[in-house]
Amino acid sequence: MPPDHYLTVTVKDTKFRDALDQLVALRNFAAHESPASKKKVLEALKIQKIGSAGAWVKRQDRFPKLAGRLTDLADAISDAAPY
């Protein structure tokens, strides 16, 4: 994909970066639970310890907040699409 493609431009937008980094890190930690994936999730979430990805997401209203930011990303992609 060219760097000026609407999808590339939208996904690289800084306002969506944290949500995407958190989603990817949480997914990888949930799937692998390796020391490397745990290190990445701690960095992405800016925390010092975590039990499991699911436990972190379901507490303190985190899932709706993360889902809302990802919905904003999906809306931005839809708005930027030329069709």
PDB file of N, CA and C in Angstrom:
ATOM      1  N   MET A   1       0.831  -1.170   0.000  1.00  0.00           N
ATOM      2  CA  MET A   1       0.000   0.000   0.000  1.00  0.00           C
ATOM      3  C   MET A   1       0.885   1.246   0.000  1.00  0.00           C
ATOM      4  N   PRO A   2       0.530   2.219  -0.780  1.00  0.00           N
ATOM      5  CA  PRO A   2       1.316   3.459  -0.780  1.00  0.00           C
ATOM      6  C   PRO A   2       1.133   4.214   0.544  1.00  0.00           C
ATOM      7  N   PRO A   3       2.112   5.006   0.919  1.00  0.00           N
ATOM      8  CA  PRO A   3       2.026   5.711   2.208  1.00  0.00           C
ATOM      9  C   PRO A   3       0.892   6.736   2.277  1.00  0.00           C
ATOM     10  N   ASP A   4       0.376   7.157   1.127  1.00  0.00           N
ATOM     11  CA  ASP A   4      -0.719   8.127   1.151  1.00  0.00           C
ATOM     12  C   ASP A   4      -2.092   7.466   0.977  1.00  0.00           C
ATOM     13  N   HIS A   5      -2.156   6.144   1.042  1.00  0.00           N
ATOM     14  CA  HIS A   5      -3.427   5.430   0.958  1.00  0.00           C
ATOM     15  C   HIS A   5      -4.275   5.789   2.177  1.00  0.00           C
ATOM     16  N   TYR A   6      -5.576   5.897   1.995  1.00  0.00           N
ATOM     17  CA  TYR A   6      -6.451   6.345   3.084  1.00  0.00           C
ATOM     18  C   TYR A   6      -6.352   5.431   4.312  1.00  0.00           C
ATOM     19  N   LEU A   7      -6.193   4.140   4.109  1.00  0.00           N
ATOM     20  CA  LEU A   7      -6.106   3.218   5.239  1.00  0.00           C
ATOM     21  C   LEU A   7      -4.808   3.431   6.018  1.00  0.00           C
ATOM     22  N   THR A   8      -3.707   3.554   5.314  1.00  0.00           N
ATOM     23  CA  THR A   8      -2.416   3.790   5.951  1.00  0.00           C
ATOM     24  C   THR A   8      -2.417   5.106   6.714  1.00  0.00           C
ATOM     25  N   VAL A   9      -2.926   6.138   6.089  1.00  0.00           N
ATOM     26  CA  VAL A   9      -2.966   7.463   6.724  1.00  0.00           C
ATOM     27  C   VAL A   9      -3.822   7.423   7.992  1.00  0.00           C
ATOM     28  N   THR A  10      -4.970   6.773   7.925  1.00  0.00           N
ATOM     29  CA  THR A  10      -5.880   6.733   9.070  1.00  0.00           C
ATOM     30  C   THR A  10      -5.302   5.907  10.216  1.00  0.00           C
ATOM     31  N   VAL A  11      -4.762   4.749   9.907  1.00  0.00           N
ATOM     32  CA  VAL A  11      -4.223   3.876  10.955  1.00  0.00           C
ATOM     33  C   VAL A  11      -3.005   4.500  11.629  1.00  0.00           C
ATOM     34  N   LYS A  12      -2.234   5.278  10.889  1.00  0.00           N
ATOM     35  CA  LYS A  12      -1.047   5.910  11.467  1.00  0.00           C
ATOM     36  C   LYS A  12      -1.357   7.208  12.215  1.00  0.00           C
ATOM     37  N   ASP A  13      -2.612   7.625  12.203  1.00  0.00           N
ATOM     38  CA  ASP A  13      -3.000   8.836  12.923  1.00  0.00           C
ATOM     39  C   ASP A  13      -2.676   8.665  14.410  1.00  0.00           C
ATOM     40  N   THR A  14      -2.010   9.632  14.988  1.00  0.00           N
ATOM     41  CA  THR A  14      -1.554   9.519  16.377  1.00  0.00           C
ATOM     42  C   THR A  14      -2.689   9.376  17.381  1.00  0.00           C
ATOM     43  N   LYS A  15      -3.874   9.858  17.052  1.00  0.00           N
ATOM     44  CA  LYS A  15      -4.957   9.747  18.030  1.00  0.00           C
ATOM     45  C   LYS A  15      -5.456   8.308  18.175  1.00  0.00           C
ATOM     46  N   PHE A  16      -5.115   7.429  17.244  1.00  0.00           N
ATOM     47  CA  PHE A  16      -5.512   6.020  17.324  1.00  0.00           C
ATOM     48  C   PHE A  16      -4.347   5.118  17.740  1.00  0.00           C
ATOM     49  N   ARG A  17      -3.164   5.656  17.826  1.00  0.00           N
ATOM     50  CA  ARG A  17      -1.960   4.845  18.068  1.00  0.00           C
ATOM     51  C   ARG A  17      -2.030   4.074  19.384  1.00  0.00           C
ATOM     52  N   ASP A  18      -2.396   4.741  20.479  1.00  0.00           N
ATOM     53  CA  ASP A  18      -2.451   4.066  21.776  1.00  0.00           C
ATOM     54  C   ASP A  18      -3.458   2.919  21.773  1.00  0.00           C
ATOM     55  N   ALA A  19      -4.636   3.162  21.225  1.00  0.00           N
ATOM     56  CA  ALA A  19      -5.667   2.118  21.195  1.00  0.00           C
ATOM     57  C   ALA A  19      -5.205   0.908  20.389  1.00  0.00           C
ATOM     58  N   LEU A  20      -4.577   1.136  19.247  1.00  0.00           N
ATOM     59  CA  LEU A  20      -4.083   0.028  18.430  1.00  0.00           C
ATOM     60  C   LEU A  20      -2.942  -0.714  19.124  1.00  0.00           C
ATOM     61  N   ASP A  21      -2.021   0.026  19.712  1.00  0.00           N
ATOM     62  CA  ASP A  21      -0.918  -0.613  20.435  1.00  0.00           C
ATOM     63  C   ASP A  21      -1.448  -1.463  21.590  1.00  0.00           C
ATOM     64  N   GLN A  22      -2.425  -0.943  22.318  1.00  0.00           N
ATOM     65  CA  GLN A  22      -3.002  -1.692  23.427  1.00  0.00           C
ATOM     66  C   GLN A  22      -3.735  -2.931  22.939  1.00  0.00           C
ATOM     67  N   LEU A  23      -4.508  -2.789  21.875  1.00  0.00           N
ATOM     68  CA  LEU A  23      -5.241  -3.937  21.337  1.00  0.00           C
ATOM     69  C   LEU A  23      -4.287  -5.052  20.913  1.00  0.00           C
ATOM     70  N   VAL A  24      -3.258  -4.709  20.172  1.00  0.00           N
ATOM     71  CA  VAL A  24      -2.302  -5.708  19.687  1.00  0.00           C
ATOM     72  C   VAL A  24      -1.563  -6.353  20.859  1.00  0.00           C
ATOM     73  N   ALA A  25      -1.125  -5.546  21.803  1.00  0.00           N
ATOM     74  CA  ALA A  25      -0.396  -6.083  22.954  1.00  0.00           C
ATOM     75  C   ALA A  25      -1.285  -6.988  23.803  1.00  0.00           C
ATOM     76  N   LEU A  26      -2.528  -6.577  24.035  1.00  0.00           N
ATOM     77  CA  LEU A  26      -3.459  -7.400  24.812  1.00  0.00           C
ATOM     78  C   LEU A  26      -3.757  -8.714  24.104  1.00  0.00           C
ATOM     79  N   ARG A  27      -3.950  -8.655  22.800  1.00  0.00           N
ATOM     80  CA  ARG A  27      -4.225  -9.861  22.030  1.00  0.00           C
ATOM     81  C   ARG A  27      -3.040 -10.822  22.094  1.00  0.00           C
ATOM     82  N   ASN A  28      -1.845 -10.305  21.896  1.00  0.00           N
ATOM     83  CA  ASN A  28      -0.661 -11.162  21.917  1.00  0.00           C
ATOM     84  C   ASN A  28      -0.431 -11.765  23.307  1.00  0.00           C
ATOM     85  N   PHE A  29      -0.636 -10.983  24.341  1.00  0.00           N
ATOM     86  CA  PHE A  29      -0.469 -11.502  25.693  1.00  0.00           C
ATOM     87  C   PHE A  29      -1.528 -12.555  25.996  1.00  0.00           C
ATOM     88  N   ALA A  30      -2.762 -12.316  25.575  1.00  0.00           N
ATOM     89  CA  ALA A  30      -3.829 -13.297  25.797  1.00  0.00           C
ATOM     90  C   ALA A  30      -3.540 -14.602  25.059  1.00  0.00           C
ATOM     91  N   ALA A  31      -2.974 -14.505  23.878  1.00  0.00           N
ATOM     92  CA  ALA A  31      -2.723 -15.698  23.071  1.00  0.00           C
ATOM     93  C   ALA A  31      -1.477 -16.461  23.512  1.00  0.00           C
ATOM     94  N   HIS A  32      -0.446 -15.756  23.955  1.00  0.00           N
ATOM     95  CA  HIS A  32       0.840 -16.415  24.184  1.00  0.00           C
ATOM     96  C   HIS A  32       1.287 -16.460  25.644  1.00  0.00           C
ATOM     97  N   GLU A  33       0.956 -15.444  26.412  1.00  0.00           N
ATOM     98  CA  GLU A  33       1.386 -15.328  27.813  1.00  0.00           C
ATOM     99  C   GLU A  33       2.889 -15.568  27.983  1.00  0.00           C
ATOM    100  N   SER A  34       3.665 -15.148  27.021  1.00  0.00           N
ATOM    101  CA  SER A  34       5.120 -15.288  27.090  1.00  0.00           C
ATOM    102  C   SER A  34       5.709 -14.086  27.827  1.00  0.00           C
ATOM    103  N   PRO A  35       6.940 -14.216  28.300  1.00  0.00           N
ATOM    104  CA  PRO A  35       7.586 -13.065  28.932  1.00  0.00           C
ATOM    105  C   PRO A  35       7.688 -11.860  27.984  1.00  0.00           C
ATOM    106  N   ALA A  36       7.941 -12.121  26.704  1.00  0.00           N
ATOM    107  CA  ALA A  36       8.041 -11.017  25.739  1.00  0.00           C
ATOM    108  C   ALA A  36       6.704 -10.321  25.550  1.00  0.00           C
ATOM    109  N   SER A  37       5.623 -11.110  25.440  1.00  0.00           N
ATOM    110  CA  SER A  37       4.305 -10.488  25.250  1.00  0.00           C
ATOM    111  C   SER A  37       3.864  -9.764  26.518  1.00  0.00           C
ATOM    112  N   LYS A  38       4.252 -10.288  27.678  1.00  0.00           N
ATOM    113  CA  LYS A  38       3.915  -9.600  28.929  1.00  0.00           C
ATOM    114  C   LYS A  38       4.649  -8.269  29.021  1.00  0.00           C
ATOM    115  N   LYS A  39       5.918  -8.259  28.627  1.00  0.00           N
ATOM    116  CA  LYS A  39       6.689  -7.013  28.643  1.00  0.00           C
ATOM    117  C   LYS A  39       6.050  -5.974  27.734  1.00  0.00           C
ATOM    118  N   LYS A  40       5.636  -6.399  26.538  1.00  0.00           N
ATOM    119  CA  LYS A  40       5.018  -5.469  25.584  1.00  0.00           C
ATOM    120  C   LYS A  40       3.687  -4.934  26.098  1.00  0.00           C
ATOM    121  N   VAL A  41       2.877  -5.789  26.711  1.00  0.00           N
ATOM    122  CA  VAL A  41       1.578  -5.325  27.211  1.00  0.00           C
ATOM    123  C   VAL A  41       1.763  -4.361  28.372  1.00  0.00           C
ATOM    124  N   LEU A  42       2.744  -4.613  29.224  1.00  0.00           N
ATOM    125  CA  LEU A  42       3.007  -3.686  30.323  1.00  0.00           C
ATOM    126  C   LEU A  42       3.438  -2.319  29.790  1.00  0.00           C
ATOM    127  N   GLU A  43       4.253  -2.332  28.738  1.00  0.00           N
ATOM    128  CA  GLU A  43       4.685  -1.076  28.116  1.00  0.00           C
ATOM    129  C   GLU A  43       3.506  -0.356  27.456  1.00  0.00           C
ATOM    130  N   ALA A  44       2.691  -1.101  26.719  1.00  0.00           N
ATOM    131  CA  ALA A  44       1.570  -0.491  26.000  1.00  0.00           C
ATOM    132  C   ALA A  44       0.531   0.098  26.951  1.00  0.00           C
ATOM    133  N   LEU A  45       0.324  -0.573  28.080  1.00  0.00           N
ATOM    134  CA  LEU A  45      -0.685  -0.115  29.033  1.00  0.00           C
ATOM    135  C   LEU A  45      -0.114   0.849  30.076  1.00  0.00           C
ATOM    136  N   LYS A  46       1.216   0.967  30.089  1.00  0.00           N
ATOM    137  CA  LYS A  46       1.896   1.842  31.045  1.00  0.00           C
ATOM    138  C   LYS A  46       1.563   1.453  32.489  1.00  0.00           C
ATOM    139  N   ILE A  47       1.691   0.144  32.745  1.00  0.00           N
ATOM    140  CA  ILE A  47       1.452  -0.388  34.080  1.00  0.00           C
ATOM    141  C   ILE A  47       2.654  -1.245  34.476  1.00  0.00           C
ATOM    142  N   GLN A  48       2.661  -1.691  35.743  1.00  0.00           N
ATOM    143  CA  GLN A  48       3.809  -2.462  36.219  1.00  0.00           C
ATOM    144  C   GLN A  48       3.527  -3.952  36.374  1.00  0.00           C
ATOM    145  N   LYS A  49       2.254  -4.331  36.507  1.00  0.00           N
ATOM    146  CA  LYS A  49       1.937  -5.753  36.603  1.00  0.00           C
ATOM    147  C   LYS A  49       0.554  -6.016  36.019  1.00  0.00           C
ATOM    148  N   ILE A  50       0.374  -7.271  35.581  1.00  0.00           N
ATOM    149  CA  ILE A  50      -0.899  -7.675  34.983  1.00  0.00           C
ATOM    150  C   ILE A  50      -1.070  -9.171  35.219  1.00  0.00           C
ATOM    151  N   GLY A  51      -2.282  -9.569  35.527  1.00  0.00           N
ATOM    152  CA  GLY A  51      -2.569 -10.985  35.710  1.00  0.00           C
ATOM    153  C   GLY A  51      -2.867 -11.649  34.381  1.00  0.00           C
ATOM    154  N   SER A  52      -3.915 -11.157  33.742  1.00  0.00           N
ATOM    155  CA  SER A  52      -4.274 -11.661  32.419  1.00  0.00           C
ATOM    156  C   SER A  52      -4.880 -10.515  31.615  1.00  0.00           C
ATOM    157  N   ALA A  53      -4.879 -10.687  30.312  1.00  0.00           N
ATOM    158  CA  ALA A  53      -5.440  -9.642  29.443  1.00  0.00           C
ATOM    159  C   ALA A  53      -6.926  -9.456  29.716  1.00  0.00           C
ATOM    160  N   GLY A  54      -7.635 -10.558  29.830  1.00  0.00           N
ATOM    161  CA  GLY A  54      -9.077 -10.484  30.068  1.00  0.00           C
ATOM    162  C   GLY A  54      -9.428  -9.818  31.383  1.00  0.00           C
ATOM    163  N   ALA A  55      -8.686 -10.149  32.428  1.00  0.00           N
ATOM    164  CA  ALA A  55      -8.935  -9.549  33.736  1.00  0.00           C
ATOM    165  C   ALA A  55      -8.678  -8.047  33.697  1.00  0.00           C
ATOM    166  N   TRP A  56      -7.635  -7.629  33.006  1.00  0.00           N
ATOM    167  CA  TRP A  56      -7.342  -6.197  32.923  1.00  0.00           C
ATOM    168  C   TRP A  56      -8.431  -5.457  32.161  1.00  0.00           C
ATOM    169  N   VAL A  57      -8.877  -6.037  31.060  1.00  0.00           N
ATOM    170  CA  VAL A  57      -9.863  -5.369  30.201  1.00  0.00           C
ATOM    171  C   VAL A  57     -11.220  -5.226  30.888  1.00  0.00           C
ATOM    172  N   LYS A  58     -11.627  -6.219  31.656  1.00  0.00           N
ATOM    173  CA  LYS A  58     -12.986  -6.173  32.213  1.00  0.00           C
ATOM    174  C   LYS A  58     -13.117  -5.303  33.460  1.00  0.00           C
ATOM    175  N   ARG A  59     -12.029  -4.858  34.011  1.00  0.00           N
ATOM    176  CA  ARG A  59     -12.097  -4.018  35.212  1.00  0.00           C
ATOM    177  C   ARG A  59     -12.090  -2.521  34.856  1.00  0.00           C
ATOM    178  N   GLN A  60     -12.659  -1.745  35.757  1.00  0.00           N
ATOM    179  CA  GLN A  60     -12.634  -0.287  35.701  1.00  0.00           C
ATOM    180  C   GLN A  60     -13.143   0.283  34.372  1.00  0.00           C
ATOM    181  N   ASP A  61     -14.126  -0.383  33.785  1.00  0.00           N
ATOM    182  CA  ASP A  61     -14.771   0.137  32.573  1.00  0.00           C
ATOM    183  C   ASP A  61     -13.790   0.281  31.407  1.00  0.00           C
ATOM    184  N   ARG A  62     -12.763  -0.572  31.361  1.00  0.00           N
ATOM    185  CA  ARG A  62     -11.729  -0.442  30.328  1.00  0.00           C
ATOM    186  C   ARG A  62     -12.201  -0.911  28.960  1.00  0.00           C
ATOM    187  N   PHE A  63     -12.994  -1.991  28.921  1.00  0.00           N
ATOM    188  CA  PHE A  63     -13.424  -2.503  27.622  1.00  0.00           C
ATOM    189  C   PHE A  63     -14.243  -1.477  26.839  1.00  0.00           C
ATOM    190  N   PRO A  64     -15.263  -0.866  27.431  1.00  0.00           N
ATOM    191  CA  PRO A  64     -16.026   0.133  26.669  1.00  0.00           C
ATOM    192  C   PRO A  64     -15.169   1.305  26.180  1.00  0.00           C
ATOM    193  N   LYS A  65     -14.199   1.709  26.985  1.00  0.00           N
ATOM    194  CA  LYS A  65     -13.325   2.818  26.579  1.00  0.00           C
ATOM    195  C   LYS A  65     -12.465   2.420  25.384  1.00  0.00           C
ATOM    196  N   LEU A  66     -11.853   1.235  25.449  1.00  0.00           N
ATOM    197  CA  LEU A  66     -11.017   0.758  24.352  1.00  0.00           C
ATOM    198  C   LEU A  66     -11.859   0.514  23.106  1.00  0.00           C
ATOM    199  N   ALA A  67     -13.015  -0.098  23.286  1.00  0.00           N
ATOM    200  CA  ALA A  67     -13.897  -0.362  22.148  1.00  0.00           C
ATOM    201  C   ALA A  67     -14.373   0.941  21.514  1.00  0.00           C
ATOM    202  N   GLY A  68     -14.622   1.946  22.321  1.00  0.00           N
ATOM    203  CA  GLY A  68     -15.043   3.244  21.793  1.00  0.00           C
ATOM    204  C   GLY A  68     -13.977   3.896  20.938  1.00  0.00           C
ATOM    205  N   ARG A  69     -12.727   3.802  21.395  1.00  0.00           N
ATOM    206  CA  ARG A  69     -11.630   4.387  20.615  1.00  0.00           C
ATOM    207  C   ARG A  69     -11.418   3.621  19.310  1.00  0.00           C
ATOM    208  N   LEU A  70     -11.603   2.300  19.353  1.00  0.00           N
ATOM    209  CA  LEU A  70     -11.461   1.498  18.132  1.00  0.00           C
ATOM    210  C   LEU A  70     -12.635   1.726  17.186  1.00  0.00           C
ATOM    211  N   THR A  71     -13.804   1.996  17.738  1.00  0.00           N
ATOM    212  CA  THR A  71     -14.958   2.360  16.905  1.00  0.00           C
ATOM    213  C   THR A  71     -14.703   3.689  16.211  1.00  0.00           C
ATOM    214  N   ASP A  72     -14.085   4.618  16.918  1.00  0.00           N
ATOM    215  CA  ASP A  72     -13.707   5.893  16.299  1.00  0.00           C
ATOM    216  C   ASP A  72     -12.750   5.665  15.133  1.00  0.00           C
ATOM    217  N   LEU A  73     -11.817   4.738  15.300  1.00  0.00           N
ATOM    218  CA  LEU A  73     -10.894   4.395  14.215  1.00  0.00           C
ATOM    219  C   LEU A  73     -11.665   3.807  13.034  1.00  0.00           C
ATOM    220  N   ALA A  74     -12.567   2.889  13.304  1.00  0.00           N
ATOM    221  CA  ALA A  74     -13.352   2.288  12.223  1.00  0.00           C
ATOM    222  C   ALA A  74     -14.175   3.356  11.496  1.00  0.00           C
ATOM    223  N   ASP A  75     -14.740   4.274  12.231  1.00  0.00           N
ATOM    224  CA  ASP A  75     -15.514   5.369  11.622  1.00  0.00           C
ATOM    225  C   ASP A  75     -14.616   6.250  10.749  1.00  0.00           C
ATOM    226  N   ALA A  76     -13.415   6.524  11.226  1.00  0.00           N
ATOM    227  CA  ALA A  76     -12.474   7.352  10.454  1.00  0.00           C
ATOM    228  C   ALA A  76     -12.063   6.645   9.159  1.00  0.00           C
ATOM    229  N   ILE A  77     -11.853   5.340   9.232  1.00  0.00           N
ATOM    230  CA  ILE A  77     -11.525   4.572   8.026  1.00  0.00           C
ATOM    231  C   ILE A  77     -12.700   4.604   7.057  1.00  0.00           C
ATOM    232  N   SER A  78     -13.878   4.421   7.566  1.00  0.00           N
ATOM    233  CA  SER A  78     -15.080   4.450   6.721  1.00  0.00           C
ATOM    234  C   SER A  78     -15.261   5.827   6.067  1.00  0.00           C
ATOM    235  N   ASP A  79     -15.037   6.876   6.833  1.00  0.00           N
ATOM    236  CA  ASP A  79     -15.178   8.232   6.287  1.00  0.00           C
ATOM    237  C   ASP A  79     -14.114   8.535   5.226  1.00  0.00           C
ATOM    238  N   ALA A  80     -12.927   7.971   5.406  1.00  0.00           N
ATOM    239  CA  ALA A  80     -11.832   8.250   4.475  1.00  0.00           C
ATOM    240  C   ALA A  80     -11.897   7.400   3.209  1.00  0.00           C
ATOM    241  N   ALA A  81     -12.644   6.318   3.257  1.00  0.00           N
ATOM    242  CA  ALA A  81     -12.727   5.417   2.090  1.00  0.00           C
ATOM    243  C   ALA A  81     -13.363   6.145   0.915  1.00  0.00           C
ATOM    244  N   PRO A  82     -12.784   5.988  -0.263  1.00  0.00           N
ATOM    245  CA  PRO A  82     -13.296   6.709  -1.427  1.00  0.00           C
ATOM    246  C   PRO A  82     -14.550   6.094  -2.039  1.00  0.00           C
ATOM    247  N   TYR A  83     -15.048   5.026  -1.501  1.00  0.00           N
ATOM    248  CA  TYR A  83     -16.236   4.362  -2.057  1.00  0.00           C
ATOM    249  C   TYR A  83     -17.317   4.226  -1.028  1.00  0.00           C
TER     250      TYR A  83
END
